[in-house]
PDB file of N, CA and C in Angstrom:
ATOM      1  N   MET A   1      25.316 -33.389-175.865  1.00  0.00           N
ATOM      2  CA  MET A   1      24.463 -34.509-175.578  1.00  0.00           C
ATOM      3  C   MET A   1      24.627 -35.542-176.682  1.00  0.00           C
ATOM      4  N   SER A   2      24.788 -36.790-176.309  1.00  0.00           N
ATOM      5  CA  SER A   2      24.878 -37.880-177.276  1.00  0.00           C
ATOM      6  C   SER A   2      23.505 -38.488-177.478  1.00  0.00           C
ATOM      7  N   ARG A   3      23.290 -39.048-178.655  1.00  0.00           N
ATOM      8  CA  ARG A   3      22.047 -39.750-178.927  1.00  0.00           C
ATOM      9  C   ARG A   3      22.272 -40.765-180.016  1.00  0.00           C
ATOM     10  N   ILE A   4      21.463 -41.788-180.051  1.00  0.00           N
ATOM     11  CA  ILE A   4      21.521 -42.785-181.117  1.00  0.00           C
ATOM     12  C   ILE A   4      20.478 -42.404-182.155  1.00  0.00           C
ATOM     13  N   VAL A   5      20.901 -42.318-183.395  1.00  0.00           N
ATOM     14  CA  VAL A   5      20.005 -42.058-184.508  1.00  0.00           C
ATOM     15  C   VAL A   5      19.939 -43.339-185.315  1.00  0.00           C
ATOM     16  N   ARG A   6      18.777 -43.897-185.440  1.00  0.00           N
ATOM     17  CA  ARG A   6      18.627 -45.162-186.166  1.00  0.00           C
ATOM     18  C   ARG A   6      18.403 -44.874-187.646  1.00  0.00           C
ATOM     19  N   LEU A   7      19.324 -45.340-188.454  1.00  0.00           N
ATOM     20  CA  LEU A   7      19.237 -45.194-189.900  1.00  0.00           C
ATOM     21  C   LEU A   7      19.265 -46.580-190.511  1.00  0.00           C
ATOM     22  N   ASN A   8      18.510 -46.783-191.566  1.00  0.00           N
ATOM     23  CA  ASN A   8      18.541 -48.090-192.203  1.00  0.00           C
ATOM     24  C   ASN A   8      19.044 -48.033-193.634  1.00  0.00           C
ATOM     25  N   ALA A   9      19.446 -46.878-194.095  1.00  0.00           N
ATOM     26  CA  ALA A   9      20.000 -46.755-195.440  1.00  0.00           C
ATOM     27  C   ALA A   9      21.453 -47.226-195.444  1.00  0.00           C
ATOM     28  N   THR A  10      21.851 -47.846-196.519  1.00  0.00           N
ATOM     29  CA  THR A  10      23.241 -48.291-196.663  1.00  0.00           C
ATOM     30  C   THR A  10      23.886 -47.679-197.899  1.00  0.00           C
ATOM     31  N   GLY A  11      23.332 -46.573-198.338  1.00  0.00           N
ATOM     32  CA  GLY A  11      23.885 -45.883-199.496  1.00  0.00           C
ATOM     33  C   GLY A  11      23.387 -44.452-199.533  1.00  0.00           C
ATOM     34  N   PRO A  12      23.892 -43.659-200.459  1.00  0.00           N
ATOM     35  CA  PRO A  12      23.543 -42.245-200.541  1.00  0.00           C
ATOM     36  C   PRO A  12      22.251 -41.997-201.317  1.00  0.00           C
ATOM     37  N   ILE A  13      21.751 -40.784-201.231  1.00  0.00           N
ATOM     38  CA  ILE A  13      20.604 -40.318-202.009  1.00  0.00           C
ATOM     39  C   ILE A  13      21.163 -39.479-203.152  1.00  0.00           C
ATOM     40  N   LYS A  14      20.801 -39.828-204.373  1.00  0.00           N
ATOM     41  CA  LYS A  14      21.321 -39.124-205.545  1.00  0.00           C
ATOM     42  C   LYS A  14      20.417 -37.942-205.895  1.00  0.00           C
ATOM     43  N   ILE A  15      21.018 -36.785-206.049  1.00  0.00           N
ATOM     44  CA  ILE A  15      20.313 -35.585-206.491  1.00  0.00           C
ATOM     45  C   ILE A  15      20.952 -35.158-207.799  1.00  0.00           C
ATOM     46  N   VAL A  16      20.121 -34.989-208.823  1.00  0.00           N
ATOM     47  CA  VAL A  16      20.661 -34.680-210.140  1.00  0.00           C
ATOM     48  C   VAL A  16      20.365 -33.226-210.508  1.00  0.00           C
ATOM     49  N   PRO A  17      21.339 -32.327-210.262  1.00  0.00           N
ATOM     50  CA  PRO A  17      21.162 -30.945-210.712  1.00  0.00           C
ATOM     51  C   PRO A  17      21.505 -30.842-212.201  1.00  0.00           C
ATOM     52  N   GLN A  18      21.677 -29.663-212.679  1.00  0.00           N
ATOM     53  CA  GLN A  18      21.907 -29.476-214.107  1.00  0.00           C
ATOM     54  C   GLN A  18      23.268 -29.962-214.588  1.00  0.00           C
ATOM     55  N   ASP A  19      24.334 -29.744-213.825  1.00  0.00           N
ATOM     56  CA  ASP A  19      25.665 -30.077-214.312  1.00  0.00           C
ATOM     57  C   ASP A  19      26.088 -31.515-214.028  1.00  0.00           C
ATOM     58  N   LYS A  20      26.118 -31.899-212.759  1.00  0.00           N
ATOM     59  CA  LYS A  20      26.539 -33.249-212.404  1.00  0.00           C
ATOM     60  C   LYS A  20      25.783 -33.704-211.161  1.00  0.00           C
ATOM     61  N   PRO A  21      25.655 -35.025-210.945  1.00  0.00           N
ATOM     62  CA  PRO A  21      24.905 -35.508-209.779  1.00  0.00           C
ATOM     63  C   PRO A  21      25.605 -35.194-208.467  1.00  0.00           C
ATOM     64  N   ILE A  22      24.805 -35.013-207.433  1.00  0.00           N
ATOM     65  CA  ILE A  22      25.283 -34.802-206.067  1.00  0.00           C
ATOM     66  C   ILE A  22      24.718 -35.930-205.226  1.00  0.00           C
ATOM     67  N   PHE A  23      25.521 -36.488-204.332  1.00  0.00           N
ATOM     68  CA  PHE A  23      25.064 -37.570-203.471  1.00  0.00           C
ATOM     69  C   PHE A  23      25.021 -37.084-202.026  1.00  0.00           C
ATOM     70  N   ILE A  24      23.838 -37.205-201.403  1.00  0.00           N
ATOM     71  CA  ILE A  24      23.609 -36.803-200.023  1.00  0.00           C
ATOM     72  C   ILE A  24      23.673 -38.052-199.149  1.00  0.00           C
ATOM     73  N   CYS A  25      24.393 -37.974-198.038  1.00  0.00           N
ATOM     74  CA  CYS A  25      24.551 -39.114-197.136  1.00  0.00           C
ATOM     75  C   CYS A  25      23.211 -39.534-196.558  1.00  0.00           C
ATOM     76  N   ALA A  26      22.948 -40.829-196.574  1.00  0.00           N
ATOM     77  CA  ALA A  26      21.732 -41.374-195.961  1.00  0.00           C
ATOM     78  C   ALA A  26      22.065 -42.389-194.878  1.00  0.00           C
ATOM     79  N   CYS A  27      23.352 -42.703-194.698  1.00  0.00           N
ATOM     80  CA  CYS A  27      23.731 -43.707-193.691  1.00  0.00           C
ATOM     81  C   CYS A  27      24.182 -43.063-192.384  1.00  0.00           C
ATOM     82  N   GLY A  28      24.559 -41.794-192.419  1.00  0.00           N
ATOM     83  CA  GLY A  28      24.972 -41.088-191.215  1.00  0.00           C
ATOM     84  C   GLY A  28      26.448 -41.203-190.869  1.00  0.00           C
ATOM     85  N   LEU A  29      27.249 -41.842-191.711  1.00  0.00           N
ATOM     86  CA  LEU A  29      28.664 -42.056-191.394  1.00  0.00           C
ATOM     87  C   LEU A  29      29.605 -41.041-192.026  1.00  0.00           C
ATOM     88  N   THR A  30      29.129 -40.243-192.953  1.00  0.00           N
ATOM     89  CA  THR A  30      30.003 -39.311-193.669  1.00  0.00           C
ATOM     90  C   THR A  30      30.688 -38.318-192.735  1.00  0.00           C
ATOM     91  N   LYS A  31      31.880 -37.936-193.101  1.00  0.00           N
ATOM     92  CA  LYS A  31      32.591 -36.878-192.377  1.00  0.00           C
ATOM     93  C   LYS A  31      32.486 -35.566-193.146  1.00  0.00           C
ATOM     94  N   ASN A  32      31.689 -35.567-194.218  1.00  0.00           N
ATOM     95  CA  ASN A  32      31.527 -34.398-195.079  1.00  0.00           C
ATOM     96  C   ASN A  32      30.039 -34.043-195.204  1.00  0.00           C
ATOM     97  N   ALA A  33      29.306 -34.081-194.082  1.00  0.00           N
ATOM     98  CA  ALA A  33      27.855 -33.869-194.100  1.00  0.00           C
ATOM     99  C   ALA A  33      27.493 -32.544-194.758  1.00  0.00           C
ATOM    100  N   PRO A  34      26.426 -32.528-195.522  1.00  0.00           N
ATOM    101  CA  PRO A  34      25.489 -33.606-195.779  1.00  0.00           C
ATOM    102  C   PRO A  34      25.872 -34.481-196.965  1.00  0.00           C
ATOM    103  N   PHE A  35      27.066 -34.304-197.499  1.00  0.00           N
ATOM    104  CA  PHE A  35      27.452 -35.003-198.724  1.00  0.00           C
ATOM    105  C   PHE A  35      28.059 -36.377-198.446  1.00  0.00           C
ATOM    106  N   CYS A  36      27.830 -37.308-199.335  1.00  0.00           N
ATOM    107  CA  CYS A  36      28.382 -38.654-199.232  1.00  0.00           C
ATOM    108  C   CYS A  36      29.884 -38.615-199.481  1.00  0.00           C
ATOM    109  N   ASP A  37      30.644 -39.324-198.635  1.00  0.00           N
ATOM    110  CA  ASP A  37      32.090 -39.444-198.851  1.00  0.00           C
ATOM    111  C   ASP A  37      32.504 -40.907-199.048  1.00  0.00           C
ATOM    112  N   GLY A  38      31.521 -41.780-199.251  1.00  0.00           N
ATOM    113  CA  GLY A  38      31.812 -43.198-199.475  1.00  0.00           C
ATOM    114  C   GLY A  38      31.845 -44.021-198.196  1.00  0.00           C
ATOM    115  N   SER A  39      31.600 -43.409-197.052  1.00  0.00           N
ATOM    116  CA  SER A  39      31.653 -44.132-195.779  1.00  0.00           C
ATOM    117  C   SER A  39      30.597 -45.223-195.674  1.00  0.00           C
ATOM    118  N   HIS A  40      29.533 -45.146-196.476  1.00  0.00           N
ATOM    119  CA  HIS A  40      28.475 -46.153-196.437  1.00  0.00           C
ATOM    120  C   HIS A  40      28.978 -47.557-196.783  1.00  0.00           C
ATOM    121  N   LYS A  41      30.142 -47.633-197.388  1.00  0.00           N
ATOM    122  CA  LYS A  41      30.702 -48.952-197.718  1.00  0.00           C
ATOM    123  C   LYS A  41      30.951 -49.778-196.464  1.00  0.00           C
ATOM    124  N   LYS A  42      31.094 -49.105-195.311  1.00  0.00           N
ATOM    125  CA  LYS A  42      31.310 -49.804-194.042  1.00  0.00           C
ATOM    126  C   LYS A  42      30.035 -50.467-193.529  1.00  0.00           C
ATOM    127  N   CYS A  43      28.858 -50.017-193.973  1.00  0.00           N
ATOM    128  CA  CYS A  43      27.615 -50.567-193.434  1.00  0.00           C
ATOM    129  C   CYS A  43      26.839 -51.432-194.426  1.00  0.00           C
ATOM    130  N   ILE A  44      27.379 -51.657-195.596  1.00  0.00           N
ATOM    131  CA  ILE A  44      26.678 -52.446-196.610  1.00  0.00           C
ATOM    132  C   ILE A  44      26.399 -53.869-196.132  1.00  0.00           C
ATOM    133  N   ASP A  45      27.296 -54.456-195.364  1.00  0.00           N
ATOM    134  CA  ASP A  45      27.136 -55.850-194.939  1.00  0.00           C
ATOM    135  C   ASP A  45      26.456 -56.004-193.577  1.00  0.00           C
ATOM    136  N   GLU A  46      25.832 -54.934-193.052  1.00  0.00           N
ATOM    137  CA  GLU A  46      25.127 -55.042-191.774  1.00  0.00           C
ATOM    138  C   GLU A  46      23.935 -55.989-191.926  1.00  0.00           C
ATOM    139  N   PRO A  47      23.800 -56.955-191.014  1.00  0.00           N
ATOM    140  CA  PRO A  47      22.669 -57.878-191.085  1.00  0.00           C
ATOM    141  C   PRO A  47      21.345 -57.150-190.833  1.00  0.00           C
ATOM    142  N   GLU A  48      20.302 -57.573-191.525  1.00  0.00           N
ATOM    143  CA  GLU A  48      18.968 -57.004-191.370  1.00  0.00           C
ATOM    144  C   GLU A  48      18.460 -57.221-189.938  1.00  0.00           C
ATOM    145  N   GLY A  49      17.816 -56.208-189.376  1.00  0.00           N
ATOM    146  CA  GLY A  49      17.192 -56.335-188.069  1.00  0.00           C
ATOM    147  C   GLY A  49      18.121 -56.137-186.877  1.00  0.00           C
ATOM    148  N   LYS A  50      19.366 -55.775-187.115  1.00  0.00           N
ATOM    149  CA  LYS A  50      20.304 -55.522-186.027  1.00  0.00           C
ATOM    150  C   LYS A  50      20.629 -54.035-185.989  1.00  0.00           C
ATOM    151  N   CYS A  51      21.049 -53.554-184.821  1.00  0.00           N
ATOM    152  CA  CYS A  51      21.377 -52.145-184.640  1.00  0.00           C
ATOM    153  C   CYS A  51      22.862 -52.026-184.300  1.00  0.00           C
ATOM    154  N   PHE A  52      23.529 -51.043-184.893  1.00  0.00           N
ATOM    155  CA  PHE A  52      24.959 -50.861-184.695  1.00  0.00           C
ATOM    156  C   PHE A  52      25.268 -49.410-184.353  1.00  0.00           C
ATOM    157  N   THR A  53      26.366 -49.215-183.624  1.00  0.00           N
ATOM    158  CA  THR A  53      26.913 -47.880-183.422  1.00  0.00           C
ATOM    159  C   THR A  53      28.292 -47.873-184.063  1.00  0.00           C
ATOM    160  N   TYR A  54      28.751 -46.682-184.420  1.00  0.00           N
ATOM    161  CA  TYR A  54      30.079 -46.499-184.988  1.00  0.00           C
ATOM    162  C   TYR A  54      30.790 -45.455-184.139  1.00  0.00           C
ATOM    163  N   ASN A  55      32.019 -45.776-183.708  1.00  0.00           N
ATOM    164  CA  ASN A  55      32.767 -44.804-182.902  1.00  0.00           C
ATOM    165  C   ASN A  55      33.434 -43.777-183.816  1.00  0.00           C
ATOM    166  N   ALA A  56      34.234 -42.898-183.258  1.00  0.00           N
ATOM    167  CA  ALA A  56      34.875 -41.829-184.039  1.00  0.00           C
ATOM    168  C   ALA A  56      35.780 -42.371-185.144  1.00  0.00           C
ATOM    169  N   ASP A  57      36.317 -43.586-184.943  1.00  0.00           N
ATOM    170  CA  ASP A  57      37.152 -44.223-185.972  1.00  0.00           C
ATOM    171  C   ASP A  57      36.322 -45.080-186.916  1.00  0.00           C
ATOM    172  N   GLN A  58      35.005 -44.999-186.791  1.00  0.00           N
ATOM    173  CA  GLN A  58      34.036 -45.735-187.594  1.00  0.00           C
ATOM    174  C   GLN A  58      34.169 -47.250-187.425  1.00  0.00           C
ATOM    175  N   VAL A  59      34.511 -47.674-186.220  1.00  0.00           N
ATOM    176  CA  VAL A  59      34.519 -49.095-185.889  1.00  0.00           C
ATOM    177  C   VAL A  59      33.116 -49.456-185.426  1.00  0.00           C
ATOM    178  N   ARG A  60      32.555 -50.508-186.004  1.00  0.00           N
ATOM    179  CA  ARG A  60      31.167 -50.906-185.753  1.00  0.00           C
ATOM    180  C   ARG A  60      31.054 -51.794-184.526  1.00  0.00           C
ATOM    181  N   THR A  61      30.004 -51.530-183.703  1.00  0.00           N
ATOM    182  CA  THR A  61      29.694 -52.356-182.547  1.00  0.00           C
ATOM    183  C   THR A  61      28.193 -52.604-182.542  1.00  0.00           C
ATOM    184  N   GLU A  62      27.801 -53.866-182.346  1.00  0.00           N
ATOM    185  CA  GLU A  62      26.375 -54.186-182.294  1.00  0.00           C
ATOM    186  C   GLU A  62      25.777 -53.709-180.974  1.00  0.00           C
ATOM    187  N   VAL A  63      24.563 -53.165-181.053  1.00  0.00           N
ATOM    188  CA  VAL A  63      23.863 -52.667-179.869  1.00  0.00           C
ATOM    189  C   VAL A  63      22.740 -53.627-179.547  1.00  0.00           C
ATOM    190  N   ALA A  64      22.657 -54.081-178.289  1.00  0.00           N
ATOM    191  CA  ALA A  64      21.545 -54.930-177.850  1.00  0.00           C
ATOM    192  C   ALA A  64      20.318 -54.057-177.706  1.00  0.00           C
ATOM    193  N   GLU A  65      19.205 -54.497-178.283  1.00  0.00           N
ATOM    194  CA  GLU A  65      17.976 -53.691-178.200  1.00  0.00           C
ATOM    195  C   GLU A  65      17.103 -54.132-177.072  1.00  0.00           C
TER     196      GLU A  65
END
C-alpha cells in the first residue's frame, strides 16, 4: 500500500552518544533508514507551504493540495 507522509524537516536529527554523533533522518528521503545519508540536501530549497513527492530516483514533483 502506498501513502503520502507529510514531513516538514529539511535536515537530520543529531543524537550524541558517547563516541561520535549519529544523525537520524527527519526528511524521509534517506536510503539508509533510520540514518541520514545526506539526501535532505534535495529538499532544502522546497518553498514553504507546498507539498512534494519524490519518486524512486528522488525526483521532486509538487502535489496539489
